[in-house]
Amino acid sequence: MFVFTFKWNKKVALLIIAIAVLILCAVIFSIASGGKSAGEGSGTAVKTNADRVKYLENRGWHVAENPVEEKNVVIPKEFSKVYETYNKLQLEQGFDLSKYGGLEATIYTYTVENYSGYAGNVVADLYVLNYRVIGGDVHSLAVDGFMHGLSKR
């Protein structure tokens, strides 16, 4: 049998309190971020181009094999009216870009090849952060066009 003893003093008490505070902060942060680390995203994992294409196909879209554009964007910490409106669309789909303010995401743009009822060009954008879909939309390239969520209507 082993017996462990120590002398209780202010240093030991402060150390124990500091450790307890760190553990409490970690638990609170984990709960607030849905159990995921910052920037991990809540969407589906898409590590490759094939994964992204499959993700869009699972939502009803046949897209070109490769993206027509791939660009990095920093999601603003404070949203303008435009971003607020766009984030409403994201919230309707179960995403929330406001959680990623200040972080850099990649937008992959794919040509949609099976959009019915519209003769113009249509693309699908996927916002990806740390190999997870954190948002996206399907929209026309016309000035007076349309935009809606990722799932085919």
C-alpha atoms as a PDB file:
ATOM      1  CA  MET A   1       0.000   0.000   0.000  1.00  0.00           C
ATOM      2  CA  PHE A   2       1.259   3.476  -0.917  1.00  0.00           C
ATOM      3  CA  VAL A   3       0.450   6.604   0.965  1.00  0.00           C
ATOM      4  CA  PHE A   4       0.912   9.985  -0.660  1.00  0.00           C
ATOM      5  CA  THR A   5       1.094  13.072   1.486  1.00  0.00           C
ATOM      6  CA  PHE A   6       1.805  16.697   0.764  1.00  0.00           C
ATOM      7  CA  LYS A   7       1.930  19.891   2.685  1.00  0.00           C
ATOM      8  CA  TRP A   8      -1.061  22.140   2.068  1.00  0.00           C
ATOM      9  CA  ASN A   9       0.022  25.715   1.452  1.00  0.00           C
ATOM     10  CA  LYS A  10      -0.933  28.681  -0.700  1.00  0.00           C
ATOM     11  CA  LYS A  11       1.113  27.507  -3.708  1.00  0.00           C
ATOM     12  CA  VAL A  12      -0.564  24.096  -3.757  1.00  0.00           C
ATOM     13  CA  ALA A  13      -4.008  25.657  -3.327  1.00  0.00           C
ATOM     14  CA  LEU A  14      -3.387  28.110  -6.191  1.00  0.00           C
ATOM     15  CA  LEU A  15      -2.100  25.302  -8.413  1.00  0.00           C
ATOM     16  CA  ILE A  16      -5.186  23.182  -7.744  1.00  0.00           C
ATOM     17  CA  ILE A  17      -7.492  26.158  -8.399  1.00  0.00           C
ATOM     18  CA  ALA A  18      -5.646  26.998 -11.648  1.00  0.00           C
ATOM     19  CA  ILE A  19      -5.958  23.407 -12.881  1.00  0.00           C
ATOM     20  CA  ALA A  20      -9.665  23.350 -11.984  1.00  0.00           C
ATOM     21  CA  VAL A  21     -10.239  26.627 -13.875  1.00  0.00           C
ATOM     22  CA  LEU A  22      -8.434  25.276 -16.957  1.00  0.00           C
ATOM     23  CA  ILE A  23     -10.512  22.105 -16.910  1.00  0.00           C
ATOM     24  CA  LEU A  24     -13.714  24.123 -16.496  1.00  0.00           C
ATOM     25  CA  CYS A  25     -12.759  26.413 -19.416  1.00  0.00           C
ATOM     26  CA  ALA A  26     -12.023  23.392 -21.612  1.00  0.00           C
ATOM     27  CA  VAL A  27     -15.409  21.854 -20.780  1.00  0.00           C
ATOM     28  CA  ILE A  28     -17.258  25.126 -21.454  1.00  0.00           C
ATOM     29  CA  PHE A  29     -15.415  25.644 -24.756  1.00  0.00           C
ATOM     30  CA  SER A  30     -16.139  22.070 -25.812  1.00  0.00           C
ATOM     31  CA  ILE A  31     -19.845  22.453 -25.069  1.00  0.00           C
ATOM     32  CA  ALA A  32     -20.041  25.851 -26.801  1.00  0.00           C
ATOM     33  CA  SER A  33     -18.381  24.532 -29.960  1.00  0.00           C
ATOM     34  CA  GLY A  34     -20.544  21.422 -30.113  1.00  0.00           C
ATOM     35  CA  GLY A  35     -17.702  19.184 -28.993  1.00  0.00           C
ATOM     36  CA  LYS A  36     -15.501  20.215 -31.901  1.00  0.00           C
ATOM     37  CA  SER A  37     -12.352  22.289 -31.891  1.00  0.00           C
ATOM     38  CA  ALA A  38     -12.402  25.828 -33.271  1.00  0.00           C
ATOM     39  CA  GLY A  39     -12.679  25.895 -37.026  1.00  0.00           C
ATOM     40  CA  GLU A  40     -13.460  22.211 -37.359  1.00  0.00           C
ATOM     41  CA  GLY A  41     -16.869  22.889 -38.801  1.00  0.00           C
ATOM     42  CA  SER A  42     -20.093  21.031 -38.300  1.00  0.00           C
ATOM     43  CA  GLY A  43     -20.592  19.841 -41.848  1.00  0.00           C
ATOM     44  CA  THR A  44     -19.659  16.739 -43.747  1.00  0.00           C
ATOM     45  CA  ALA A  45     -16.002  15.836 -44.246  1.00  0.00           C
ATOM     46  CA  VAL A  46     -14.817  16.545 -47.791  1.00  0.00           C
ATOM     47  CA  LYS A  47     -11.104  15.801 -48.012  1.00  0.00           C
ATOM     48  CA  THR A  48     -10.879  15.397 -51.789  1.00  0.00           C
ATOM     49  CA  ASN A  49     -12.457  16.802 -54.922  1.00  0.00           C
ATOM     50  CA  ALA A  50     -14.315  13.514 -55.336  1.00  0.00           C
ATOM     51  CA  ASP A  51     -15.777  13.967 -51.843  1.00  0.00           C
ATOM     52  CA  ARG A  52     -17.015  17.459 -52.727  1.00  0.00           C
ATOM     53  CA  VAL A  53     -18.587  16.247 -55.989  1.00  0.00           C
ATOM     54  CA  LYS A  54     -20.247  13.356 -54.132  1.00  0.00           C
ATOM     55  CA  TYR A  55     -21.525  15.804 -51.487  1.00  0.00           C
ATOM     56  CA  LEU A  56     -23.245  17.858 -54.203  1.00  0.00           C
ATOM     57  CA  GLU A  57     -24.552  14.727 -55.951  1.00  0.00           C
ATOM     58  CA  ASN A  58     -26.086  13.610 -52.644  1.00  0.00           C
ATOM     59  CA  ARG A  59     -28.041  16.866 -52.697  1.00  0.00           C
ATOM     60  CA  GLY A  60     -29.371  16.147 -56.201  1.00  0.00           C
ATOM     61  CA  TRP A  61     -26.863  18.009 -58.384  1.00  0.00           C
ATOM     62  CA  HIS A  62     -24.820  16.692 -61.254  1.00  0.00           C
ATOM     63  CA  VAL A  63     -21.782  18.953 -61.412  1.00  0.00           C
ATOM     64  CA  ALA A  64     -18.673  19.186 -63.572  1.00  0.00           C
ATOM     65  CA  GLU A  65     -15.894  16.894 -62.396  1.00  0.00           C
ATOM     66  CA  ASN A  66     -13.585  19.754 -61.382  1.00  0.00           C
ATOM     67  CA  PRO A  67     -14.313  23.138 -59.842  1.00  0.00           C
ATOM     68  CA  VAL A  68     -14.297  26.147 -62.160  1.00  0.00           C
ATOM     69  CA  GLU A  69     -12.955  28.270 -59.321  1.00  0.00           C
ATOM     70  CA  GLU A  70     -11.260  27.736 -55.992  1.00  0.00           C
ATOM     71  CA  LYS A  71     -10.586  30.748 -53.796  1.00  0.00           C
ATOM     72  CA  ASN A  72      -9.721  31.481 -50.196  1.00  0.00           C
ATOM     73  CA  VAL A  73     -11.819  33.993 -48.282  1.00  0.00           C
ATOM     74  CA  VAL A  74     -11.682  35.283 -44.736  1.00  0.00           C
ATOM     75  CA  ILE A  75     -15.112  35.157 -43.165  1.00  0.00           C
ATOM     76  CA  PRO A  76     -15.623  38.553 -41.512  1.00  0.00           C
ATOM     77  CA  LYS A  77     -15.933  38.760 -37.737  1.00  0.00           C
ATOM     78  CA  GLU A  78     -18.656  41.384 -38.091  1.00  0.00           C
ATOM     79  CA  PHE A  79     -21.175  40.800 -40.865  1.00  0.00           C
ATOM     80  CA  SER A  80     -22.334  43.453 -43.301  1.00  0.00           C
ATOM     81  CA  LYS A  81     -25.988  43.438 -44.414  1.00  0.00           C
ATOM     82  CA  VAL A  82     -24.991  41.265 -47.380  1.00  0.00           C
ATOM     83  CA  TYR A  83     -23.314  38.667 -45.155  1.00  0.00           C
ATOM     84  CA  GLU A  84     -26.229  38.768 -42.692  1.00  0.00           C
ATOM     85  CA  THR A  85     -28.647  38.003 -45.541  1.00  0.00           C
ATOM     86  CA  TYR A  86     -26.389  35.264 -46.870  1.00  0.00           C
ATOM     87  CA  ASN A  87     -26.014  33.751 -43.408  1.00  0.00           C
ATOM     88  CA  LYS A  88     -29.824  33.561 -43.093  1.00  0.00           C
ATOM     89  CA  LEU A  89     -29.725  31.217 -46.088  1.00  0.00           C
ATOM     90  CA  GLN A  90     -26.990  29.227 -44.353  1.00  0.00           C
ATOM     91  CA  LEU A  91     -28.961  29.025 -41.108  1.00  0.00           C
ATOM     92  CA  GLU A  92     -31.944  27.605 -43.034  1.00  0.00           C
ATOM     93  CA  GLN A  93     -29.642  24.770 -44.137  1.00  0.00           C
ATOM     94  CA  GLY A  94     -28.203  24.101 -40.689  1.00  0.00           C
ATOM     95  CA  PHE A  95     -24.968  26.048 -41.217  1.00  0.00           C
ATOM     96  CA  ASP A  96     -23.824  29.214 -39.438  1.00  0.00           C
ATOM     97  CA  LEU A  97     -20.958  31.196 -40.917  1.00  0.00           C
ATOM     98  CA  SER A  98     -20.901  33.564 -37.927  1.00  0.00           C
ATOM     99  CA  LYS A  99     -19.162  30.814 -35.934  1.00  0.00           C
ATOM    100  CA  TYR A 100     -16.162  31.115 -38.264  1.00  0.00           C
ATOM    101  CA  GLY A 101     -15.602  34.885 -38.196  1.00  0.00           C
ATOM    102  CA  GLY A 102     -11.949  35.735 -38.768  1.00  0.00           C
ATOM    103  CA  LEU A 103     -11.109  32.291 -40.165  1.00  0.00           C
ATOM    104  CA  GLU A 104     -10.077  31.524 -43.735  1.00  0.00           C
ATOM    105  CA  ALA A 105     -12.276  29.149 -45.717  1.00  0.00           C
ATOM    106  CA  THR A 106     -12.015  27.884 -49.272  1.00  0.00           C
ATOM    107  CA  ILE A 107     -14.898  28.342 -51.685  1.00  0.00           C
ATOM    108  CA  TYR A 108     -15.113  25.656 -54.374  1.00  0.00           C
ATOM    109  CA  THR A 109     -17.358  26.605 -57.308  1.00  0.00           C
ATOM    110  CA  TYR A 110     -18.765  23.858 -59.537  1.00  0.00           C
ATOM    111  CA  THR A 111     -20.819  24.149 -62.717  1.00  0.00           C
ATOM    112  CA  VAL A 112     -24.257  22.596 -62.201  1.00  0.00           C
ATOM    113  CA  GLU A 113     -25.190  20.493 -65.237  1.00  0.00           C
ATOM    114  CA  ASN A 114     -28.704  19.370 -64.326  1.00  0.00           C
ATOM    115  CA  TYR A 115     -30.548  22.526 -63.258  1.00  0.00           C
ATOM    116  CA  SER A 116     -33.997  22.270 -64.814  1.00  0.00           C
ATOM    117  CA  GLY A 117     -36.283  25.141 -65.686  1.00  0.00           C
ATOM    118  CA  TYR A 118     -33.505  27.668 -66.211  1.00  0.00           C
ATOM    119  CA  ALA A 119     -31.516  28.162 -69.415  1.00  0.00           C
ATOM    120  CA  GLY A 120     -28.627  30.224 -67.987  1.00  0.00           C
ATOM    121  CA  ASN A 121     -25.442  29.159 -66.236  1.00  0.00           C
ATOM    122  CA  VAL A 122     -25.812  27.807 -62.711  1.00  0.00           C
ATOM    123  CA  VAL A 123     -23.070  27.050 -60.193  1.00  0.00           C
ATOM    124  CA  ALA A 124     -22.807  25.527 -56.733  1.00  0.00           C
ATOM    125  CA  ASP A 125     -20.497  27.039 -54.127  1.00  0.00           C
ATOM    126  CA  LEU A 126     -19.175  25.009 -51.204  1.00  0.00           C
ATOM    127  CA  TYR A 127     -17.548  26.781 -48.264  1.00  0.00           C
ATOM    128  CA  VAL A 128     -14.970  24.401 -46.797  1.00  0.00           C
ATOM    129  CA  LEU A 129     -12.919  24.846 -43.640  1.00  0.00           C
ATOM    130  CA  ASN A 130     -10.552  22.155 -42.356  1.00  0.00           C
ATOM    131  CA  TYR A 131     -12.026  19.652 -44.849  1.00  0.00           C
ATOM    132  CA  ARG A 132     -15.590  20.249 -43.622  1.00  0.00           C
ATOM    133  CA  VAL A 133     -18.505  21.866 -45.441  1.00  0.00           C
ATOM    134  CA  ILE A 134     -19.535  24.905 -43.411  1.00  0.00           C
ATOM    135  CA  GLY A 135     -21.902  26.477 -45.941  1.00  0.00           C
ATOM    136  CA  GLY A 136     -22.818  26.865 -49.566  1.00  0.00           C
ATOM    137  CA  ASP A 137     -25.423  27.692 -52.143  1.00  0.00           C
ATOM    138  CA  VAL A 138     -26.626  27.146 -55.687  1.00  0.00           C
ATOM    139  CA  HIS A 139     -27.028  30.271 -57.808  1.00  0.00           C
ATOM    140  CA  SER A 140     -27.306  31.586 -61.331  1.00  0.00           C
ATOM    141  CA  LEU A 141     -24.583  33.739 -62.830  1.00  0.00           C
ATOM    142  CA  ALA A 142     -27.085  36.299 -64.164  1.00  0.00           C
ATOM    143  CA  VAL A 143     -27.235  39.746 -62.569  1.00  0.00           C
ATOM    144  CA  ASP A 144     -30.961  39.328 -61.934  1.00  0.00           C
ATOM    145  CA  GLY A 145     -30.629  35.619 -61.138  1.00  0.00           C
ATOM    146  CA  PHE A 146     -31.436  33.478 -58.128  1.00  0.00           C
ATOM    147  CA  MET A 147     -29.767  31.836 -55.148  1.00  0.00           C
ATOM    148  CA  HIS A 148     -30.941  29.048 -52.862  1.00  0.00           C
ATOM    149  CA  GLY A 149     -29.631  26.350 -50.572  1.00  0.00           C
ATOM    150  CA  LEU A 150     -27.585  23.336 -51.570  1.00  0.00           C
ATOM    151  CA  SER A 151     -30.392  20.769 -51.639  1.00  0.00           C
ATOM    152  CA  LYS A 152     -32.212  20.340 -54.935  1.00  0.00           C
ATOM    153  CA  ARG A 153     -35.759  21.605 -54.761  1.00  0.00           C
END
